[in-house]
Every structure is written in C-alpha cells, then in structure tokens.
C-alpha cells in the first residue's frame, strides 16, 4: 500500500497508514447502487468494530479531487481502473482483503467487511498470523 496522507471519515487528514488499521472504499459515485450502499455502510460504520484503531476513508473513482489517491491505492491493490472495491489493510501497510463491491450482495458486504476488519484488529503485528475469527478465507479480487 502506498504511504499517503489519507482524509479519514472520522477525523482530519493524516498519515493514517502508520497509525491505524484501515478500511478504504474506492467507489463509483452515488449513481451506482452497489457503491451508494457501500458508501452508506462505511459512513455509518454498520457491522464494523467500534474501535478507535480502525480508520475509514472513502474515495470516488473518477472524481478529480480523489484521482491521485485512487490511482495509488488501486495500483497497490492491483485493481483495474473501473473496479469498485473496499480494501482492508493494517497499520503496517499489509493488504488483507480486496472486496469487489459489485460481486457481493449489499446485505452481505457489511458482514464481510466487518469480519475482515475484526480479523485485522486482532492479528499479531509481529507475526502477521490471522486469528480464527470466521472471516472469509479468500480475498475477492476482480478477474
């Protein structure tokens, strides 16, 4: 993951990559129903752990003001330019999951993001072994 200043949903712009675990939305605009649902999910933190160590950020694909960050994060996650995804990463820049927003039903997306976020919060930063949490064992990556 790139080291960048990330504007957080719940706070000011800061170098979040070195301070907190991250859930980052790279979403299409509000005209896209799955992305609008994902954006609401992230803004309300529905299904996500209530932990101050978990930072949330949402960027819009195609928005000029987000272009630089979207490009860098998309490249780091090996995403095609048009794929909307939610990335889950830890404070050590390790990317744990890339969830394709269009491939997961909106009602299941919150559970999937929540399970991954919980797993990242619980994992050991020194050995990077994931605990047994019930989180999905595979990443959802676009073809």
Foldseek 3Di string as FASTA:
>chain_A
DDQDQAQFLVDGTDRLLQQAWEKEKAAADCVDVLRVLVVVCQNVVVLADPDPRYTYHYDHQPDPVCVVVSVVVCVVVVAPSPFIWIWTGGSNRRTDATAGSVVDPSVCVSNQVRQSNVQRVPADPVPRDTDPRVHDPDHDGDD
